[in-house]
Amino acid sequence: MHPKYKHDCTACEFKGHFNGFDVWVCPSKRPSIIARAGDTPGNYACNSVEMFVDGIKNNEDIGIGDGKVMKFQDYIFSEHCIDYHKAWLLALATR
């Protein structure tokens, strides 16, 4: 599998194309997970792997709009889960 979109960091590792996104992991001092949806510089979402995994492990609250919150584990498998979070979850499963 090859990336669909351009990504300019040579240190990043391509993990696959999930849910419409190219997903990369940057192995820096604080590894990040990136979901890229296009070639333009701002067409991506990024978060630290540690923060995302901790959210799942600790089952923290996450806002889902209109002042509502739900537990992270419930959120991941709900209709409220945004597409790049689904892509990150699938990419982490392949690590």
C-alpha atoms as a PDB file:
ATOM      1  CA  MET A   1       0.000   0.000   0.000  1.00  0.00           C
ATOM      2  CA  HIS A   2       1.277   3.453  -0.903  1.00  0.00           C
ATOM      3  CA  PRO A   3       0.279   6.915   0.331  1.00  0.00           C
ATOM      4  CA  LYS A   4      -2.331   8.760  -1.687  1.00  0.00           C
ATOM      5  CA  TYR A   5      -1.311  12.241  -0.494  1.00  0.00           C
ATOM      6  CA  LYS A   6       2.021  14.064  -0.284  1.00  0.00           C
ATOM      7  CA  HIS A   7       3.671  14.169   3.125  1.00  0.00           C
ATOM      8  CA  ASP A   8       6.879  16.146   3.518  1.00  0.00           C
ATOM      9  CA  CYS A   9       8.396  14.608   6.675  1.00  0.00           C
ATOM     10  CA  THR A  10      10.964  11.969   5.765  1.00  0.00           C
ATOM     11  CA  ALA A  11      11.041  10.626   9.355  1.00  0.00           C
ATOM     12  CA  CYS A  12       7.355   9.666   9.355  1.00  0.00           C
ATOM     13  CA  GLU A  13       6.313   6.057   8.793  1.00  0.00           C
ATOM     14  CA  PHE A  14       3.328   5.431   6.529  1.00  0.00           C
ATOM     15  CA  LYS A  15       0.876   3.049   8.246  1.00  0.00           C
ATOM     16  CA  GLY A  16      -1.808   2.783   5.601  1.00  0.00           C
ATOM     17  CA  HIS A  17      -4.837   4.349   4.022  1.00  0.00           C
ATOM     18  CA  PHE A  18      -7.708   4.156   6.520  1.00  0.00           C
ATOM     19  CA  ASN A  19     -11.189   5.644   6.341  1.00  0.00           C
ATOM     20  CA  GLY A  20     -10.205   8.007   3.522  1.00  0.00           C
ATOM     21  CA  PHE A  21      -6.993   9.211   5.190  1.00  0.00           C
ATOM     22  CA  ASP A  22      -3.306   8.466   4.765  1.00  0.00           C
ATOM     23  CA  VAL A  23      -2.117   7.700   8.285  1.00  0.00           C
ATOM     24  CA  TRP A  24       1.458   8.312   9.381  1.00  0.00           C
ATOM     25  CA  VAL A  25       3.331   7.933  12.669  1.00  0.00           C
ATOM     26  CA  CYS A  26       6.169  10.341  13.361  1.00  0.00           C
ATOM     27  CA  PRO A  27       8.762   8.611  15.568  1.00  0.00           C
ATOM     28  CA  SER A  28      10.062  11.810  17.200  1.00  0.00           C
ATOM     29  CA  LYS A  29      10.805  12.170  20.936  1.00  0.00           C
ATOM     30  CA  ARG A  30       7.042  12.467  21.388  1.00  0.00           C
ATOM     31  CA  PRO A  31       5.578  10.248  18.640  1.00  0.00           C
ATOM     32  CA  SER A  32       2.646  11.736  16.761  1.00  0.00           C
ATOM     33  CA  ILE A  33      -0.056  10.201  14.636  1.00  0.00           C
ATOM     34  CA  ILE A  34      -1.126  12.084  11.525  1.00  0.00           C
ATOM     35  CA  ALA A  35      -4.210  11.617   9.362  1.00  0.00           C
ATOM     36  CA  ARG A  36      -3.733  13.359   6.002  1.00  0.00           C
ATOM     37  CA  ALA A  37      -6.758  13.991   3.761  1.00  0.00           C
ATOM     38  CA  GLY A  38      -5.096  15.962   0.981  1.00  0.00           C
ATOM     39  CA  ASP A  39      -1.887  17.403  -0.435  1.00  0.00           C
ATOM     40  CA  THR A  40      -2.185  20.944   0.935  1.00  0.00           C
ATOM     41  CA  PRO A  41      -0.129  21.750   4.057  1.00  0.00           C
ATOM     42  CA  GLY A  42      -3.145  22.244   6.350  1.00  0.00           C
ATOM     43  CA  ASN A  43      -5.159  19.250   5.177  1.00  0.00           C
ATOM     44  CA  TYR A  44      -4.398  16.931   8.089  1.00  0.00           C
ATOM     45  CA  ALA A  45      -5.079  16.249  11.768  1.00  0.00           C
ATOM     46  CA  CYS A  46      -2.332  15.399  14.235  1.00  0.00           C
ATOM     47  CA  ASN A  47      -2.095  14.328  17.861  1.00  0.00           C
ATOM     48  CA  SER A  48       0.469  12.681  20.101  1.00  0.00           C
ATOM     49  CA  VAL A  49       0.223   8.900  20.150  1.00  0.00           C
ATOM     50  CA  GLU A  50       0.580   8.992  23.936  1.00  0.00           C
ATOM     51  CA  MET A  51      -2.352  11.371  24.395  1.00  0.00           C
ATOM     52  CA  PHE A  52      -4.632   9.357  22.103  1.00  0.00           C
ATOM     53  CA  VAL A  53      -3.699   6.009  23.711  1.00  0.00           C
ATOM     54  CA  ASP A  54      -4.014   7.468  27.217  1.00  0.00           C
ATOM     55  CA  GLY A  55      -7.486   8.717  26.335  1.00  0.00           C
ATOM     56  CA  ILE A  56      -8.464   5.166  25.443  1.00  0.00           C
ATOM     57  CA  LYS A  57      -6.703   3.487  28.400  1.00  0.00           C
ATOM     58  CA  ASN A  58      -7.951   5.959  30.995  1.00  0.00           C
ATOM     59  CA  ASN A  59     -11.398   6.178  29.404  1.00  0.00           C
ATOM     60  CA  GLU A  60     -11.365   9.948  29.778  1.00  0.00           C
ATOM     61  CA  ASP A  61     -14.286  12.205  28.958  1.00  0.00           C
ATOM     62  CA  ILE A  62     -14.389  13.729  25.477  1.00  0.00           C
ATOM     63  CA  GLY A  63     -16.653  16.513  24.307  1.00  0.00           C
ATOM     64  CA  ILE A  64     -19.079  15.568  21.547  1.00  0.00           C
ATOM     65  CA  GLY A  65     -20.685  18.975  20.994  1.00  0.00           C
ATOM     66  CA  ASP A  66     -23.506  20.986  22.522  1.00  0.00           C
ATOM     67  CA  GLY A  67     -21.801  20.746  25.934  1.00  0.00           C
ATOM     68  CA  LYS A  68     -22.195  16.950  25.993  1.00  0.00           C
ATOM     69  CA  VAL A  69     -19.432  14.536  26.951  1.00  0.00           C
ATOM     70  CA  MET A  70     -19.006  10.799  26.838  1.00  0.00           C
ATOM     71  CA  LYS A  71     -16.331   8.313  27.876  1.00  0.00           C
ATOM     72  CA  PHE A  72     -13.567   7.938  25.291  1.00  0.00           C
ATOM     73  CA  GLN A  73     -14.046   4.181  24.815  1.00  0.00           C
ATOM     74  CA  ASP A  74     -17.745   4.694  24.142  1.00  0.00           C
ATOM     75  CA  TYR A  75     -16.956   7.612  21.828  1.00  0.00           C
ATOM     76  CA  ILE A  76     -14.545   5.568  19.665  1.00  0.00           C
ATOM     77  CA  PHE A  77     -17.323   3.112  18.795  1.00  0.00           C
ATOM     78  CA  SER A  78     -20.142   5.637  18.514  1.00  0.00           C
ATOM     79  CA  GLU A  79     -21.659   7.641  15.665  1.00  0.00           C
ATOM     80  CA  HIS A  80     -20.024  10.725  17.240  1.00  0.00           C
ATOM     81  CA  CYS A  81     -16.479   9.524  16.501  1.00  0.00           C
ATOM     82  CA  ILE A  82     -14.903  11.747  13.860  1.00  0.00           C
ATOM     83  CA  ASP A  83     -13.313  10.123  10.833  1.00  0.00           C
ATOM     84  CA  TYR A  84      -9.689  10.946  11.612  1.00  0.00           C
ATOM     85  CA  HIS A  85     -10.039   9.398  15.095  1.00  0.00           C
ATOM     86  CA  LYS A  86     -11.330   6.213  13.441  1.00  0.00           C
ATOM     87  CA  ALA A  87      -8.332   6.282  11.100  1.00  0.00           C
ATOM     88  CA  TRP A  88      -5.926   6.772  14.019  1.00  0.00           C
ATOM     89  CA  LEU A  89      -7.487   3.847  15.882  1.00  0.00           C
ATOM     90  CA  LEU A  90      -7.092   1.568  12.867  1.00  0.00           C
ATOM     91  CA  ALA A  91      -3.498   2.697  12.376  1.00  0.00           C
ATOM     92  CA  LEU A  92      -2.617   2.048  16.019  1.00  0.00           C
ATOM     93  CA  ALA A  93      -4.010  -1.457  15.667  1.00  0.00           C
ATOM     94  CA  THR A  94      -1.371  -2.091  12.971  1.00  0.00           C
ATOM     95  CA  ARG A  95       1.584  -0.815  15.033  1.00  0.00           C
END
